[in-house]
Amino acid sequence: MDSAELKARRIEAVPRGVGNVTPVVMARSEGALVWDVEGKEYIDFAGGIGVNNVGHRHPQVVAAIKEQADKFLHGCFHVSMYDSYVQ
């Protein structure tokens, strides 16, 4: 889908209480750069949410996520402890 089709679908499928700061439909990211669904490159001046220190898709972060996914994806520490939380 191109950005026009995705924006039309967004109106139909996403609750009105969920906002967007920009009208750009992102497809991928790397470091400080993001690309829209048409392939246009942008510098991510907003820094993303939670990526401000290392950029998008930092190799060490991706490796840590993959390693954790091999163990389990979600655990509630309030229900039972797990080692990576304690360490």
PDB file of N, CA and C in Angstrom:
ATOM      1  N   MET A   1       0.848  -1.195   0.000  1.00  0.00           N
ATOM      2  CA  MET A   1       0.000   0.000   0.000  1.00  0.00           C
ATOM      3  C   MET A   1       0.885   1.247   0.000  1.00  0.00           C
ATOM      4  N   ASP A   2       0.459   2.276  -0.711  1.00  0.00           N
ATOM      5  CA  ASP A   2       1.186   3.536  -0.651  1.00  0.00           C
ATOM      6  C   ASP A   2       0.648   4.360   0.523  1.00  0.00           C
ATOM      7  N   SER A   3       1.267   5.528   0.760  1.00  0.00           N
ATOM      8  CA  SER A   3       0.881   6.311   1.932  1.00  0.00           C
ATOM      9  C   SER A   3      -0.568   6.795   1.865  1.00  0.00           C
ATOM     10  N   ALA A   4      -1.057   7.145   0.692  1.00  0.00           N
ATOM     11  CA  ALA A   4      -2.455   7.595   0.572  1.00  0.00           C
ATOM     12  C   ALA A   4      -3.420   6.481   0.962  1.00  0.00           C
ATOM     13  N   GLU A   5      -3.149   5.266   0.493  1.00  0.00           N
ATOM     14  CA  GLU A   5      -4.003   4.123   0.840  1.00  0.00           C
ATOM     15  C   GLU A   5      -3.924   3.812   2.333  1.00  0.00           C
ATOM     16  N   LEU A   6      -2.721   3.895   2.891  1.00  0.00           N
ATOM     17  CA  LEU A   6      -2.556   3.617   4.318  1.00  0.00           C
ATOM     18  C   LEU A   6      -3.243   4.673   5.175  1.00  0.00           C
ATOM     19  N   LYS A   7      -3.170   5.925   4.766  1.00  0.00           N
ATOM     20  CA  LYS A   7      -3.849   6.992   5.514  1.00  0.00           C
ATOM     21  C   LYS A   7      -5.367   6.817   5.465  1.00  0.00           C
ATOM     22  N   ALA A   8      -5.889   6.398   4.317  1.00  0.00           N
ATOM     23  CA  ALA A   8      -7.328   6.130   4.203  1.00  0.00           C
ATOM     24  C   ALA A   8      -7.714   4.958   5.097  1.00  0.00           C
ATOM     25  N   ARG A   9      -6.906   3.929   5.107  1.00  0.00           N
ATOM     26  CA  ARG A   9      -7.163   2.761   5.960  1.00  0.00           C
ATOM     27  C   ARG A   9      -7.075   3.142   7.432  1.00  0.00           C
ATOM     28  N   ARG A  10      -6.142   4.026   7.773  1.00  0.00           N
ATOM     29  CA  ARG A  10      -5.989   4.474   9.156  1.00  0.00           C
ATOM     30  C   ARG A  10      -7.283   5.103   9.653  1.00  0.00           C
ATOM     31  N   ILE A  11      -7.925   5.917   8.824  1.00  0.00           N
ATOM     32  CA  ILE A  11      -9.186   6.565   9.202  1.00  0.00           C
ATOM     33  C   ILE A  11     -10.246   5.519   9.530  1.00  0.00           C
ATOM     34  N   GLU A  12     -10.259   4.422   8.792  1.00  0.00           N
ATOM     35  CA  GLU A  12     -11.237   3.359   9.013  1.00  0.00           C
ATOM     36  C   GLU A  12     -10.891   2.460  10.192  1.00  0.00           C
ATOM     37  N   ALA A  13      -9.602   2.232  10.448  1.00  0.00           N
ATOM     38  CA  ALA A  13      -9.200   1.163  11.358  1.00  0.00           C
ATOM     39  C   ALA A  13      -8.631   1.601  12.704  1.00  0.00           C
ATOM     40  N   VAL A  14      -8.200   2.850  12.823  1.00  0.00           N
ATOM     41  CA  VAL A  14      -7.521   3.282  14.048  1.00  0.00           C
ATOM     42  C   VAL A  14      -8.428   4.235  14.822  1.00  0.00           C
ATOM     43  N   PRO A  15      -8.577   4.031  16.147  1.00  0.00           N
ATOM     44  CA  PRO A  15      -9.419   4.911  16.955  1.00  0.00           C
ATOM     45  C   PRO A  15      -8.976   6.374  16.863  1.00  0.00           C
ATOM     46  N   ARG A  16      -9.919   7.283  16.928  1.00  0.00           N
ATOM     47  CA  ARG A  16      -9.631   8.710  16.795  1.00  0.00           C
ATOM     48  C   ARG A  16      -8.770   9.251  17.935  1.00  0.00           C
ATOM     49  N   GLY A  17      -8.768   8.600  19.075  1.00  0.00           N
ATOM     50  CA  GLY A  17      -7.970   9.060  20.205  1.00  0.00           C
ATOM     51  C   GLY A  17      -6.479   8.851  20.026  1.00  0.00           C
ATOM     52  N   VAL A  18      -6.089   8.084  19.017  1.00  0.00           N
ATOM     53  CA  VAL A  18      -4.680   7.820  18.740  1.00  0.00           C
ATOM     54  C   VAL A  18      -4.220   8.823  17.696  1.00  0.00           C
ATOM     55  N   GLY A  19      -3.288   9.702  18.074  1.00  0.00           N
ATOM     56  CA  GLY A  19      -2.855  10.748  17.162  1.00  0.00           C
ATOM     57  C   GLY A  19      -1.506  10.468  16.532  1.00  0.00           C
ATOM     58  N   ASN A  20      -1.182  11.244  15.521  1.00  0.00           N
ATOM     59  CA  ASN A  20       0.121  11.208  14.865  1.00  0.00           C
ATOM     60  C   ASN A  20       0.646  12.631  14.784  1.00  0.00           C
ATOM     61  N   VAL A  21       1.915  12.818  15.071  1.00  0.00           N
ATOM     62  CA  VAL A  21       2.521  14.141  15.012  1.00  0.00           C
ATOM     63  C   VAL A  21       2.802  14.545  13.568  1.00  0.00           C
ATOM     64  N   THR A  22       3.154  13.574  12.728  1.00  0.00           N
ATOM     65  CA  THR A  22       3.450  13.859  11.325  1.00  0.00           C
ATOM     66  C   THR A  22       2.541  13.024  10.425  1.00  0.00           C
ATOM     67  N   PRO A  23       2.366  13.452   9.175  1.00  0.00           N
ATOM     68  CA  PRO A  23       1.552  12.684   8.237  1.00  0.00           C
ATOM     69  C   PRO A  23       2.347  11.618   7.482  1.00  0.00           C
ATOM     70  N   VAL A  24       3.591  11.391   7.878  1.00  0.00           N
ATOM     71  CA  VAL A  24       4.475  10.463   7.172  1.00  0.00           C
ATOM     72  C   VAL A  24       4.205   9.033   7.634  1.00  0.00           C
ATOM     73  N   VAL A  25       4.133   8.093   6.686  1.00  0.00           N
ATOM     74  CA  VAL A  25       3.931   6.677   7.003  1.00  0.00           C
ATOM     75  C   VAL A  25       5.284   5.977   6.881  1.00  0.00           C
ATOM     76  N   MET A  26       5.852   5.604   8.016  1.00  0.00           N
ATOM     77  CA  MET A  26       7.187   5.018   8.042  1.00  0.00           C
ATOM     78  C   MET A  26       7.180   3.541   7.666  1.00  0.00           C
ATOM     79  N   ALA A  27       8.235   3.121   6.971  1.00  0.00           N
ATOM     80  CA  ALA A  27       8.378   1.721   6.571  1.00  0.00           C
ATOM     81  C   ALA A  27       9.543   1.042   7.276  1.00  0.00           C
ATOM     82  N   ARG A  28      10.635   1.800   7.508  1.00  0.00           N
ATOM     83  CA  ARG A  28      11.796   1.198   8.170  1.00  0.00           C
ATOM     84  C   ARG A  28      12.661   2.289   8.774  1.00  0.00           C
ATOM     85  N   SER A  29      13.621   1.861   9.588  1.00  0.00           N
ATOM     86  CA  SER A  29      14.515   2.802  10.244  1.00  0.00           C
ATOM     87  C   SER A  29      15.885   2.170  10.439  1.00  0.00           C
ATOM     88  N   GLU A  30      16.875   3.023  10.575  1.00  0.00           N
ATOM     89  CA  GLU A  30      18.248   2.574  10.817  1.00  0.00           C
ATOM     90  C   GLU A  30      19.012   3.754  11.393  1.00  0.00           C
ATOM     91  N   GLY A  31      19.574   3.577  12.600  1.00  0.00           N
ATOM     92  CA  GLY A  31      20.324   4.668  13.222  1.00  0.00           C
ATOM     93  C   GLY A  31      19.456   5.896  13.408  1.00  0.00           C
ATOM     94  N   ALA A  32      19.886   7.033  12.851  1.00  0.00           N
ATOM     95  CA  ALA A  32      19.140   8.286  12.974  1.00  0.00           C
ATOM     96  C   ALA A  32      18.236   8.545  11.771  1.00  0.00           C
ATOM     97  N   LEU A  33      18.086   7.559  10.889  1.00  0.00           N
ATOM     98  CA  LEU A  33      17.306   7.745   9.668  1.00  0.00           C
ATOM     99  C   LEU A  33      16.051   6.888   9.669  1.00  0.00           C
ATOM    100  N   VAL A  34      15.016   7.397   9.003  1.00  0.00           N
ATOM    101  CA  VAL A  34      13.783   6.636   8.782  1.00  0.00           C
ATOM    102  C   VAL A  34      13.386   6.811   7.317  1.00  0.00           C
ATOM    103  N   TRP A  35      12.671   5.825   6.772  1.00  0.00           N
ATOM    104  CA  TRP A  35      12.201   5.866   5.390  1.00  0.00           C
ATOM    105  C   TRP A  35      10.700   5.658   5.379  1.00  0.00           C
ATOM    106  N   ASP A  36      10.013   6.417   4.519  1.00  0.00           N
ATOM    107  CA  ASP A  36       8.574   6.231   4.400  1.00  0.00           C
ATOM    108  C   ASP A  36       8.268   5.112   3.412  1.00  0.00           C
ATOM    109  N   VAL A  37       6.990   4.817   3.243  1.00  0.00           N
ATOM    110  CA  VAL A  37       6.591   3.696   2.389  1.00  0.00           C
ATOM    111  C   VAL A  37       6.891   3.941   0.915  1.00  0.00           C
ATOM    112  N   GLU A  38       7.141   5.191   0.546  1.00  0.00           N
ATOM    113  CA  GLU A  38       7.541   5.497  -0.830  1.00  0.00           C
ATOM    114  C   GLU A  38       9.059   5.461  -1.010  1.00  0.00           C
ATOM    115  N   GLY A  39       9.802   5.240   0.087  1.00  0.00           N
ATOM    116  CA  GLY A  39      11.257   5.166   0.008  1.00  0.00           C
ATOM    117  C   GLY A  39      11.981   6.468   0.279  1.00  0.00           C
ATOM    118  N   LYS A  40      11.272   7.540   0.619  1.00  0.00           N
ATOM    119  CA  LYS A  40      11.907   8.822   0.917  1.00  0.00           C
ATOM    120  C   LYS A  40      12.589   8.745   2.279  1.00  0.00           C
ATOM    121  N   GLU A  41      13.824   9.247   2.334  1.00  0.00           N
ATOM    122  CA  GLU A  41      14.634   9.197   3.556  1.00  0.00           C
ATOM    123  C   GLU A  41      14.464  10.480   4.368  1.00  0.00           C
ATOM    124  N   TYR A  42      14.368  10.323   5.692  1.00  0.00           N
ATOM    125  CA  TYR A  42      14.259  11.450   6.611  1.00  0.00           C
ATOM    126  C   TYR A  42      15.268  11.276   7.736  1.00  0.00           C
ATOM    127  N   ILE A  43      15.764  12.393   8.277  1.00  0.00           N
ATOM    128  CA  ILE A  43      16.510  12.344   9.530  1.00  0.00           C
ATOM    129  C   ILE A  43      15.472  12.374  10.636  1.00  0.00           C
ATOM    130  N   ASP A  44      15.565  11.452  11.580  1.00  0.00           N
ATOM    131  CA  ASP A  44      14.575  11.353  12.654  1.00  0.00           C
ATOM    132  C   ASP A  44      14.897  12.368  13.742  1.00  0.00           C
ATOM    133  N   PHE A  45      14.440  13.604  13.542  1.00  0.00           N
ATOM    134  CA  PHE A  45      14.681  14.644  14.527  1.00  0.00           C
ATOM    135  C   PHE A  45      13.901  14.423  15.813  1.00  0.00           C
ATOM    136  N   ALA A  46      12.857  13.618  15.771  1.00  0.00           N
ATOM    137  CA  ALA A  46      12.078  13.316  16.970  1.00  0.00           C
ATOM    138  C   ALA A  46      12.775  12.263  17.821  1.00  0.00           C
ATOM    139  N   GLY A  47      13.696  11.526  17.251  1.00  0.00           N
ATOM    140  CA  GLY A  47      14.447  10.534  18.006  1.00  0.00           C
ATOM    141  C   GLY A  47      13.685   9.261  18.301  1.00  0.00           C
ATOM    142  N   GLY A  48      12.479   9.129  17.811  1.00  0.00           N
ATOM    143  CA  GLY A  48      11.708   7.930  18.116  1.00  0.00           C
ATOM    144  C   GLY A  48      11.353   7.886  19.592  1.00  0.00           C
ATOM    145  N   ILE A  49      10.636   6.888  19.983  1.00  0.00           N
ATOM    146  CA  ILE A  49      10.298   6.706  21.391  1.00  0.00           C
ATOM    147  C   ILE A  49      11.148   5.556  21.896  1.00  0.00           C
ATOM    148  N   GLY A  50      12.013   5.847  22.836  1.00  0.00           N
ATOM    149  CA  GLY A  50      12.841   4.803  23.424  1.00  0.00           C
ATOM    150  C   GLY A  50      14.091   4.464  22.627  1.00  0.00           C
ATOM    151  N   VAL A  51      14.425   5.249  21.607  1.00  0.00           N
ATOM    152  CA  VAL A  51      15.640   4.963  20.838  1.00  0.00           C
ATOM    153  C   VAL A  51      16.611   6.139  20.891  1.00  0.00           C
ATOM    154  N   ASN A  52      16.348   7.094  21.737  1.00  0.00           N
ATOM    155  CA  ASN A  52      17.137   8.321  21.743  1.00  0.00           C
ATOM    156  C   ASN A  52      18.623   8.106  21.976  1.00  0.00           C
ATOM    157  N   ASN A  53      19.008   7.130  22.767  1.00  0.00           N
ATOM    158  CA  ASN A  53      20.413   6.953  23.094  1.00  0.00           C
ATOM    159  C   ASN A  53      21.206   6.163  22.069  1.00  0.00           C
ATOM    160  N   VAL A  54      20.587   5.245  21.364  1.00  0.00           N
ATOM    161  CA  VAL A  54      21.339   4.354  20.472  1.00  0.00           C
ATOM    162  C   VAL A  54      20.882   4.390  19.025  1.00  0.00           C
ATOM    163  N   GLY A  55      19.830   5.097  18.712  1.00  0.00           N
ATOM    164  CA  GLY A  55      19.324   5.110  17.341  1.00  0.00           C
ATOM    165  C   GLY A  55      18.444   3.901  17.075  1.00  0.00           C
ATOM    166  N   HIS A  56      17.845   3.886  15.910  1.00  0.00           N
ATOM    167  CA  HIS A  56      16.966   2.784  15.520  1.00  0.00           C
ATOM    168  C   HIS A  56      17.792   1.552  15.174  1.00  0.00           C
ATOM    169  N   ARG A  57      17.351   0.404  15.636  1.00  0.00           N
ATOM    170  CA  ARG A  57      17.900  -0.900  15.243  1.00  0.00           C
ATOM    171  C   ARG A  57      19.401  -1.031  15.490  1.00  0.00           C
ATOM    172  N   HIS A  58      19.890  -0.499  16.600  1.00  0.00           N
ATOM    173  CA  HIS A  58      21.316  -0.658  16.922  1.00  0.00           C
ATOM    174  C   HIS A  58      21.632  -2.150  16.984  1.00  0.00           C
ATOM    175  N   PRO A  59      22.719  -2.591  16.357  1.00  0.00           N
ATOM    176  CA  PRO A  59      23.023  -4.026  16.286  1.00  0.00           C
ATOM    177  C   PRO A  59      23.064  -4.732  17.644  1.00  0.00           C
ATOM    178  N   GLN A  60      23.583  -4.072  18.672  1.00  0.00           N
ATOM    179  CA  GLN A  60      23.640  -4.712  19.994  1.00  0.00           C
ATOM    180  C   GLN A  60      22.244  -4.858  20.597  1.00  0.00           C
ATOM    181  N   VAL A  61      21.385  -3.879  20.362  1.00  0.00           N
ATOM    182  CA  VAL A  61      20.012  -3.962  20.869  1.00  0.00           C
ATOM    183  C   VAL A  61      19.254  -5.062  20.130  1.00  0.00           C
ATOM    184  N   VAL A  62      19.411  -5.130  18.810  1.00  0.00           N
ATOM    185  CA  VAL A  62      18.757  -6.176  18.018  1.00  0.00           C
ATOM    186  C   VAL A  62      19.219  -7.554  18.483  1.00  0.00           C
ATOM    187  N   ALA A  63      20.522  -7.717  18.723  1.00  0.00           N
ATOM    188  CA  ALA A  63      21.051  -9.007  19.190  1.00  0.00           C
ATOM    189  C   ALA A  63      20.469  -9.379  20.550  1.00  0.00           C
ATOM    190  N   ALA A  64      20.358  -8.403  21.449  1.00  0.00           N
ATOM    191  CA  ALA A  64      19.799  -8.674  22.778  1.00  0.00           C
ATOM    192  C   ALA A  64      18.327  -9.067  22.687  1.00  0.00           C
ATOM    193  N   ILE A  65      17.576  -8.424  21.807  1.00  0.00           N
ATOM    194  CA  ILE A  65      16.162  -8.767  21.623  1.00  0.00           C
ATOM    195  C   ILE A  65      16.028 -10.189  21.095  1.00  0.00           C
ATOM    196  N   LYS A  66      16.849 -10.536  20.103  1.00  0.00           N
ATOM    197  CA  LYS A  66      16.798 -11.889  19.543  1.00  0.00           C
ATOM    198  C   LYS A  66      17.152 -12.931  20.598  1.00  0.00           C
ATOM    199  N   GLU A  67      18.167 -12.646  21.403  1.00  0.00           N
ATOM    200  CA  GLU A  67      18.558 -13.584  22.462  1.00  0.00           C
ATOM    201  C   GLU A  67      17.421 -13.764  23.462  1.00  0.00           C
ATOM    202  N   GLN A  68      16.788 -12.666  23.866  1.00  0.00           N
ATOM    203  CA  GLN A  68      15.690 -12.750  24.824  1.00  0.00           C
ATOM    204  C   GLN A  68      14.495 -13.478  24.231  1.00  0.00           C
ATOM    205  N   ALA A  69      14.210 -13.273  22.952  1.00  0.00           N
ATOM    206  CA  ALA A  69      13.065 -13.925  22.308  1.00  0.00           C
ATOM    207  C   ALA A  69      13.215 -15.440  22.290  1.00  0.00           C
ATOM    208  N   ASP A  70      14.441 -15.927  22.295  1.00  0.00           N
ATOM    209  CA  ASP A  70      14.666 -17.372  22.360  1.00  0.00           C
ATOM    210  C   ASP A  70      14.315 -17.943  23.729  1.00  0.00           C
ATOM    211  N   LYS A  71      14.264 -17.087  24.759  1.00  0.00           N
ATOM    212  CA  LYS A  71      13.960 -17.535  26.126  1.00  0.00           C
ATOM    213  C   LYS A  71      12.464 -17.386  26.415  1.00  0.00           C
ATOM    214  N   PHE A  72      11.980 -16.165  26.429  1.00  0.00           N
ATOM    215  CA  PHE A  72      10.552 -15.856  26.549  1.00  0.00           C
ATOM    216  C   PHE A  72      10.360 -14.386  26.205  1.00  0.00           C
ATOM    217  N   LEU A  73       9.156 -14.031  25.760  1.00  0.00           N
ATOM    218  CA  LEU A  73       8.901 -12.662  25.321  1.00  0.00           C
ATOM    219  C   LEU A  73       8.297 -11.780  26.397  1.00  0.00           C
ATOM    220  N   HIS A  74       7.513 -12.364  27.270  1.00  0.00           N
ATOM    221  CA  HIS A  74       6.864 -11.538  28.280  1.00  0.00           C
ATOM    222  C   HIS A  74       6.764 -12.310  29.584  1.00  0.00           C
ATOM    223  N   GLY A  75       7.169 -11.666  30.621  1.00  0.00           N
ATOM    224  CA  GLY A  75       7.010 -12.238  31.949  1.00  0.00           C
ATOM    225  C   GLY A  75       6.687 -11.122  32.919  1.00  0.00           C
ATOM    226  N   CYS A  76       5.770 -11.353  33.799  1.00  0.00           N
ATOM    227  CA  CYS A  76       5.405 -10.340  34.783  1.00  0.00           C
ATOM    228  C   CYS A  76       6.178 -10.609  36.065  1.00  0.00           C
ATOM    229  N   PHE A  77       7.107  -9.735  36.396  1.00  0.00           N
ATOM    230  CA  PHE A  77       7.947  -9.922  37.569  1.00  0.00           C
ATOM    231  C   PHE A  77       7.123  -9.978  38.850  1.00  0.00           C
ATOM    232  N   HIS A  78       5.963  -9.347  38.852  1.00  0.00           N
ATOM    233  CA  HIS A  78       5.100  -9.380  40.036  1.00  0.00           C
ATOM    234  C   HIS A  78       4.514 -10.771  40.261  1.00  0.00           C
ATOM    235  N   VAL A  79       4.439 -11.581  39.214  1.00  0.00           N
ATOM    236  CA  VAL A  79       3.918 -12.937  39.332  1.00  0.00           C
ATOM    237  C   VAL A  79       5.035 -13.908  39.676  1.00  0.00           C
ATOM    238  N   SER A  80       6.105 -13.893  38.914  1.00  0.00           N
ATOM    239  CA  SER A  80       7.259 -14.735  39.249  1.00  0.00           C
ATOM    240  C   SER A  80       8.537 -14.053  38.783  1.00  0.00           C
ATOM    241  N   MET A  81       9.588 -14.241  39.567  1.00  0.00           N
ATOM    242  CA  MET A  81      10.870 -13.621  39.255  1.00  0.00           C
ATOM    243  C   MET A  81      11.515 -14.288  38.048  1.00  0.00           C
ATOM    244  N   TYR A  82      12.351 -13.548  37.349  1.00  0.00           N
ATOM    245  CA  TYR A  82      13.182 -14.125  36.303  1.00  0.00           C
ATOM    246  C   TYR A  82      14.559 -13.470  36.345  1.00  0.00           C
ATOM    247  N   ASP A  83      15.556 -14.245  35.955  1.00  0.00           N
ATOM    248  CA  ASP A  83      16.949 -13.866  36.177  1.00  0.00           C
ATOM    249  C   ASP A  83      17.370 -12.546  35.539  1.00  0.00           C
ATOM    250  N   SER A  84      16.976 -12.287  34.306  1.00  0.00           N
ATOM    251  CA  SER A  84      17.438 -11.066  33.643  1.00  0.00           C
ATOM    252  C   SER A  84      16.930  -9.805  34.338  1.00  0.00           C
ATOM    253  N   TYR A  85      15.774  -9.879  34.980  1.00  0.00           N
ATOM    254  CA  TYR A  85      15.243  -8.738  35.719  1.00  0.00           C
ATOM    255  C   TYR A  85      16.065  -8.506  36.979  1.00  0.00           C
ATOM    256  N   VAL A  86      16.368  -9.571  37.697  1.00  0.00           N
ATOM    257  CA  VAL A  86      17.115  -9.467  38.948  1.00  0.00           C
ATOM    258  C   VAL A  86      18.558  -9.027  38.688  1.00  0.00           C
ATOM    259  N   GLN A  87      19.152  -9.566  37.624  1.00  0.00           N
ATOM    260  CA  GLN A  87      20.547  -9.229  37.317  1.00  0.00           C
ATOM    261  C   GLN A  87      20.666  -7.792  36.879  1.00  0.00           C
TER     262      GLN A  87
END
